[in-house]
Protein backbone atom coordinates (compact mmCIF):
# COMPACT_ATOMS: atom_id res chain seq x y z
CA MET A 1 -0.05 0.11 -0.14
CA PRO A 2 1.50 3.34 -0.97
CA HIS A 3 2.29 5.77 1.61
CA VAL A 4 3.28 9.62 1.87
CA SER A 5 6.53 8.98 2.31
CA ASP A 6 7.05 6.83 -0.79
CA VAL A 7 6.76 10.42 -2.70
CA LEU A 8 7.28 12.96 -0.13
CA THR A 9 10.44 13.35 2.55
CA PRO A 10 9.97 14.60 6.18
CA HIS A 11 11.72 17.50 4.71
CA ASP A 12 9.06 18.32 1.79
CA ILE A 13 6.60 17.69 4.32
CA GLY A 14 8.20 20.31 6.88
CA LYS A 15 7.91 22.90 4.26
CA PHE A 16 4.22 23.20 4.69
CA THR A 17 3.95 23.33 8.53
CA ASN A 18 1.86 26.21 9.22
CA LEU A 19 0.84 26.95 5.69
CA GLN A 20 -2.92 26.98 4.66
CA VAL A 21 -4.26 26.97 0.89
CA PHE A 22 -6.58 29.72 0.78
CA ALA A 23 -9.22 29.83 -2.35
CA LYS A 24 -9.93 33.81 -2.87
CA GLN A 25 -13.04 32.89 -5.32
CA VAL A 26 -14.45 29.99 -3.92
CA VAL A 27 -17.88 30.92 -2.89
CA GLU A 28 -19.16 27.27 -1.57
CA GLY A 29 -16.39 25.30 -0.16
CA PHE A 30 -13.84 27.17 2.29
CA CYS A 31 -11.06 26.20 4.54
CA SER A 32 -12.42 24.79 7.75
CA GLY A 33 -12.30 27.19 10.70
CA LEU A 34 -10.73 29.88 8.34
CA HIS A 35 -13.43 30.42 5.68
CA ARG A 36 -17.20 30.63 6.02
CA SER A 37 -19.72 29.85 3.36
CA PRO A 38 -22.04 32.72 2.27
CA HIS A 39 -25.17 30.52 2.30
CA LYS A 40 -26.99 30.81 5.61
CA GLY A 41 -27.60 27.64 7.46
CA PHE A 42 -28.07 26.62 10.92
CA SER A 43 -24.95 24.74 11.94
CA VAL A 44 -22.07 26.76 13.43
CA GLU A 45 -21.73 30.16 13.77
CA PHE A 46 -24.59 33.23 14.48
CA LYS A 47 -24.32 35.73 11.57
CA GLU A 48 -27.34 37.88 12.01
CA HIS A 49 -31.04 38.90 13.03
CA ARG A 50 -33.44 39.46 10.62
CA SER A 51 -37.35 40.25 11.15
CA TYR A 52 -39.80 36.93 11.19
CA VAL A 53 -41.87 36.55 8.33
CA PRO A 54 -44.88 34.23 8.03
CA GLY A 55 -43.49 30.54 6.84
CA ASP A 56 -40.15 30.76 9.19
CA ASP A 57 -39.25 28.17 11.36
CA ILE A 58 -40.66 29.34 14.85
CA ARG A 59 -37.97 27.35 16.29
CA SER A 60 -35.53 29.95 15.13
CA ILE A 61 -36.98 32.70 16.56
CA ASP A 62 -34.92 34.56 19.43
CA TRP A 63 -37.37 34.63 22.03
CA LYS A 64 -35.24 36.64 24.43
CA LEU A 65 -34.70 39.33 21.91
CA PHE A 66 -38.58 39.05 21.75
CA GLY A 67 -38.55 39.38 25.61
CA LYS A 68 -36.78 42.78 24.93
CA THR A 69 -38.44 44.27 21.84
CA ASP A 70 -41.61 42.66 21.82
CA ARG A 71 -40.82 41.82 18.34
CA LEU A 72 -40.25 38.59 16.36
CA TYR A 73 -36.61 38.07 15.07
CA ILE A 74 -35.08 35.10 13.41
CA ARG A 75 -31.45 34.28 14.22
CA GLU A 76 -29.29 33.23 11.11
CA TYR A 77 -26.41 31.41 11.06
CA GLU A 78 -22.94 30.93 8.88
CA GLU A 79 -22.60 27.41 7.80
CA GLU A 80 -18.49 26.20 7.83
CA THR A 81 -17.54 24.21 4.80
CA ASN A 82 -14.42 22.98 3.62
CA LEU A 83 -12.48 23.62 0.70
CA ARG A 84 -13.17 21.24 -2.43
CA CYS A 85 -10.37 20.76 -4.67
CA THR A 86 -9.71 18.43 -7.79
CA ILE A 87 -6.07 18.30 -8.84
CA LEU A 88 -5.76 17.89 -12.56
CA LEU A 89 -2.50 15.98 -13.66
CA ASP A 90 -0.91 15.76 -16.92
CA SER A 91 0.62 12.26 -17.94
CA SER A 92 1.21 13.17 -21.50
CA GLY A 93 4.75 12.11 -23.20
CA SER A 94 5.98 15.46 -23.11
CA MET A 95 5.54 15.22 -19.46
CA GLY A 96 8.20 12.66 -19.42
CA TYR A 97 11.04 14.74 -20.34
CA THR A 98 14.44 15.19 -18.41
CA GLY A 99 17.44 17.14 -18.98
CA THR A 100 20.93 17.21 -17.39
CA ARG A 101 20.05 20.05 -14.84
CA SER A 102 17.29 18.37 -13.12
CA HIS A 103 18.90 15.48 -11.37
CA GLY A 104 17.05 12.69 -13.27
CA LEU A 105 13.63 13.67 -12.34
CA THR A 106 11.01 13.91 -14.94
CA LYS A 107 8.26 17.13 -15.33
CA HIS A 108 5.92 14.40 -14.64
CA ALA A 109 7.77 13.19 -11.54
CA TYR A 110 7.96 16.72 -10.35
CA ALA A 111 4.32 17.25 -11.21
CA VAL A 112 3.40 13.83 -9.12
CA ARG A 113 5.39 14.68 -5.99
CA THR A 114 3.77 18.36 -6.28
CA ALA A 115 0.46 16.47 -6.76
CA ALA A 116 1.22 14.31 -3.40
CA CYS A 117 2.23 17.55 -1.46
CA LEU A 118 -1.01 19.23 -2.26
CA THR A 119 -2.92 16.24 -1.49
CA TYR A 120 -1.37 15.85 1.69
CA LEU A 121 -1.87 19.43 2.73
CA MET A 122 -5.41 19.35 1.65
CA LEU A 123 -6.54 16.46 3.60
CA GLN A 124 -4.52 17.64 6.72
CA GLN A 125 -6.70 20.90 6.57
CA GLN A 126 -9.75 18.45 6.47
CA ASP A 127 -10.70 19.70 2.99
CA SER A 128 -11.77 17.54 0.06
CA VAL A 129 -9.47 16.82 -2.93
CA GLY A 130 -9.85 14.64 -5.90
CA LEU A 131 -7.85 13.67 -8.80
CA VAL A 132 -8.15 13.73 -12.48
CA THR A 133 -5.42 12.15 -14.51
CA PHE A 134 -5.51 12.77 -18.37
CA ASP A 135 -3.34 12.81 -21.70
CA LYS A 136 -5.57 13.23 -24.80
CA LYS A 137 -8.44 12.09 -22.64
CA VAL A 138 -9.29 11.74 -19.17
CA ARG A 139 -7.62 8.74 -17.63
CA ARG A 140 -9.03 8.19 -13.96
CA TYR A 141 -11.14 10.43 -11.85
CA ILE A 142 -11.03 10.04 -8.35
CA PRO A 143 -13.98 12.39 -6.84
CA PRO A 144 -12.96 14.75 -3.86
CA ARG A 145 -13.25 13.43 -0.44
CA ALA A 146 -12.13 14.56 3.22
CA ARG A 147 -11.36 11.34 4.66
CA PRO A 148 -7.81 10.27 5.73
CA LYS A 149 -7.61 7.27 3.63
CA HIS A 150 -8.39 8.98 0.93
CA LEU A 151 -4.83 9.74 0.86
CA GLN A 152 -4.12 6.39 0.12
CA ALA A 153 -6.33 6.36 -2.98
CA ILE A 154 -4.72 9.39 -4.58
CA LEU A 155 -1.27 8.54 -3.84
CA GLY A 156 -1.98 4.82 -5.29
CA GLU A 157 -3.22 6.47 -8.69
CA LEU A 158 -0.23 8.72 -8.77
CA GLU A 159 2.08 5.95 -8.55
CA LYS A 160 0.59 4.00 -11.46
CA GLN A 161 1.22 7.00 -13.69
CA ASN A 162 3.09 6.80 -16.60
CA PRO A 163 3.47 9.69 -18.91
CA LYS A 164 2.75 8.49 -22.92
CA HIS A 165 0.49 9.75 -25.58
CA GLU A 166 -0.26 12.54 -27.15
CA THR A 167 -2.33 15.33 -25.16
CA GLU A 168 -5.22 17.14 -25.96
CA LEU A 169 -5.73 19.62 -22.97
CA GLY A 170 -9.01 21.61 -24.49
CA SER A 171 -11.22 18.96 -24.58
CA VAL A 172 -10.38 17.08 -21.64
CA PHE A 173 -10.90 19.96 -19.70
CA HIS A 174 -14.25 20.69 -21.49
CA GLU A 175 -15.01 16.84 -20.51
CA MET A 176 -14.16 17.54 -17.15
CA VAL A 177 -16.52 20.70 -16.72
CA ALA A 178 -19.45 18.38 -16.86
CA LYS A 179 -18.16 16.02 -14.37
CA LEU A 180 -17.09 18.55 -11.56
CA HIS A 181 -20.54 19.71 -10.90
CA ARG A 182 -19.86 21.57 -7.48
CA ARG A 183 -17.78 24.74 -7.80
CA GLY A 184 -14.56 24.24 -6.35
CA LEU A 185 -10.46 25.05 -6.55
CA LEU A 186 -8.94 23.33 -9.23
CA MET A 187 -5.51 23.16 -9.52
CA ILE A 188 -3.75 22.16 -12.89
CA ILE A 189 -0.33 20.49 -13.29
CA SER A 190 0.94 20.55 -16.80
CA ASP A 191 3.49 21.69 -18.99
CA LEU A 192 0.24 23.10 -21.00
CA PHE A 193 2.07 22.25 -24.24
CA GLY A 194 -0.76 22.69 -26.88
CA ASP A 195 -2.80 25.19 -28.58
CA VAL A 196 -3.16 28.44 -26.29
CA ASP A 197 -6.58 29.46 -27.89
CA GLN A 198 -8.30 26.17 -27.14
CA LEU A 199 -6.63 25.91 -24.02
CA MET A 200 -8.09 29.42 -23.09
CA LYS A 201 -11.57 28.34 -24.20
CA SER A 202 -11.73 25.46 -22.03
CA LEU A 203 -10.31 27.03 -18.92
CA ALA A 204 -12.95 30.14 -19.76
CA HIS A 205 -15.22 27.19 -19.47
CA PHE A 206 -14.12 26.12 -15.89
CA ARG A 207 -14.51 29.98 -14.82
CA HIS A 208 -18.06 30.46 -16.19
CA ALA A 209 -18.79 27.29 -14.00
CA ASN A 210 -17.51 29.09 -11.45
CA HIS A 211 -14.18 27.42 -10.70
CA GLU A 212 -10.89 29.06 -9.25
CA ILE A 213 -8.39 28.07 -11.25
CA VAL A 214 -4.49 27.64 -10.19
CA ILE A 215 -2.10 26.37 -12.95
CA PHE A 216 1.34 24.50 -11.81
CA GLN A 217 3.37 24.76 -15.19
CA ILE A 218 6.11 22.36 -15.22
CA TRP A 219 8.94 23.55 -16.93
CA ASP A 220 12.63 21.65 -17.41
CA PRO A 221 15.27 24.01 -17.49
CA ASP A 222 16.46 22.83 -21.08
CA GLU A 223 12.78 24.26 -22.36
CA LEU A 224 13.62 27.51 -21.03
CA ASP A 225 17.18 28.45 -22.27
CA PHE A 226 17.66 25.62 -25.14
CA PRO A 227 21.41 24.62 -24.21
CA PHE A 228 22.19 22.42 -27.06
CA ARG A 229 25.16 23.41 -29.08
CA GLN A 230 26.31 20.30 -31.12
CA TRP A 231 24.01 18.35 -33.75
CA THR A 232 21.07 16.60 -31.52
CA GLN A 233 18.36 14.50 -32.49
CA PHE A 234 15.14 15.64 -31.11
CA ALA A 235 12.38 12.99 -30.86
CA SER A 236 9.15 13.47 -29.62
CA LEU A 237 7.75 12.05 -26.62
CA GLU A 238 4.25 11.78 -27.71
CA ALA A 239 4.91 10.54 -31.49
CA ALA A 240 7.16 7.62 -31.66
CA ASP A 241 8.38 8.35 -35.56
CA ASN A 242 9.03 11.98 -35.24
CA ARG A 243 12.67 12.51 -35.02
CA HIS A 244 14.63 15.08 -36.46
CA LEU A 245 18.61 15.58 -36.42
CA VAL A 246 19.24 19.20 -36.47
CA ASP A 247 21.85 21.83 -35.62
CA PRO A 248 20.59 23.57 -32.55
CA ALA A 249 22.85 26.72 -33.40
CA GLN A 250 20.44 27.38 -36.16
CA LEU A 251 17.16 26.96 -34.18
CA ARG A 252 17.83 28.71 -30.81
CA ASN A 253 17.08 32.03 -31.88
CA ALA A 254 13.58 31.47 -33.50
CA TYR A 255 12.92 28.82 -30.94
CA LEU A 256 13.48 31.10 -28.07
CA GLU A 257 11.22 33.77 -30.00
CA LYS A 258 8.57 31.27 -30.08
CA LEU A 259 8.69 30.21 -26.52
CA ASN A 260 8.58 33.80 -25.55
CA GLN A 261 5.60 34.31 -27.68
CA PHE A 262 3.80 31.07 -26.14
CA ARG A 263 4.79 32.09 -22.48
CA GLU A 264 3.14 35.79 -23.17
CA GLN A 265 0.29 34.29 -24.78
CA LEU A 266 -0.47 32.40 -21.79
CA ALA A 267 0.03 34.70 -19.05
CA ASN A 268 -2.28 37.38 -20.73
CA GLY A 269 -4.73 34.80 -21.05
CA CYS A 270 -4.67 33.47 -17.73
CA ASN A 271 -4.47 37.42 -16.45
CA ARG A 272 -7.85 38.03 -18.47
CA HIS A 273 -9.44 34.63 -16.94
CA ARG A 274 -8.09 35.53 -13.43
CA ILE A 275 -6.45 32.50 -13.23
CA SER A 276 -3.16 32.00 -11.40
CA LEU A 277 -0.53 30.94 -13.42
CA VAL A 278 2.57 29.34 -11.22
CA PRO A 279 5.81 28.37 -13.19
CA MET A 280 7.88 25.76 -11.59
CA THR A 281 11.24 24.16 -13.14
CA THR A 282 12.58 20.90 -12.64
CA ASP A 283 15.80 21.86 -11.14
CA GLN A 284 14.29 23.85 -8.24
CA PRO A 285 13.21 21.89 -5.02
CA PHE A 286 9.14 21.62 -5.75
CA ALA A 287 8.67 22.23 -2.21
CA ASP A 288 10.49 25.34 -1.73
CA SER A 289 8.31 26.81 -4.80
CA LEU A 290 5.12 25.42 -3.84
CA ALA A 291 5.67 26.68 -0.13
CA ALA A 292 6.53 30.21 -1.47
CA TYR A 293 3.54 30.35 -3.43
CA LEU A 294 1.17 29.31 -0.42
CA ALA A 295 3.03 31.71 1.49
CA LEU A 296 2.04 34.46 -0.88
CA ARG A 297 -1.77 33.73 -1.24
CA ARG A 298 -1.75 33.77 2.80
CA ARG A 299 -0.23 37.14 2.68
CA ALA A 300 -2.24 38.19 -0.14
CA LYS A 301 -5.73 36.92 1.55
């Protein structure tokens, strides 16, 4: 049976002590003890009085206040609910890349550890967390649960993941909109390689359904600075017969220009749809990057 220590070290877990994940725009679910639902209920904490109207439950009348004012008032309470988070993990072939500066860690392995860390943190906070794995289609959907044993289910699925196949972010995300009936926090862990316009349409679909979105975009350093100098054979990780032997020096400037365009297009789209885009590179400790981001969110709250 998988255990959290299989993917996270005590050092990693220690990075998240005293940190909380805050969801800025989640309406229905909030962290227990820290956030409160705007829906009025009868469970936890007094919110306000309002005048009695015919049809109200007489058990909700504040009789002490009636004794003082001779008027009928209803006591209303705020209901505390937990955050409902779904982690969407990209397991397509491009996530299998690793360069010389990543200590043998592929982007996918880095993403899996990030997902495990987030799952552990959410469940420690008694929040609900679920998992979606995908490449060109949804491979596995584990609905959000807040039970401690749910950690084993998600870690077990993370262990099974093997990056392969092509990816189709737009169609996968459109498919998931119909499955995620309740609004919540979506944490997407992916390199986001694909058509940006289609991706933004699918993310807008999520936003239209009132989900808050945080994207952890995983990069290998090689993808950012293109360090290759000698003739190199580049092979697609998503299409086995797609190989090209090229002189990198002749491609470098064009590649970096395209890369900058891609990143700028992504950043502008995410900003337009109020989506948090968090770049992470595999040569940096993922726990450090994640902890710094979570601390920033806490200060911004």
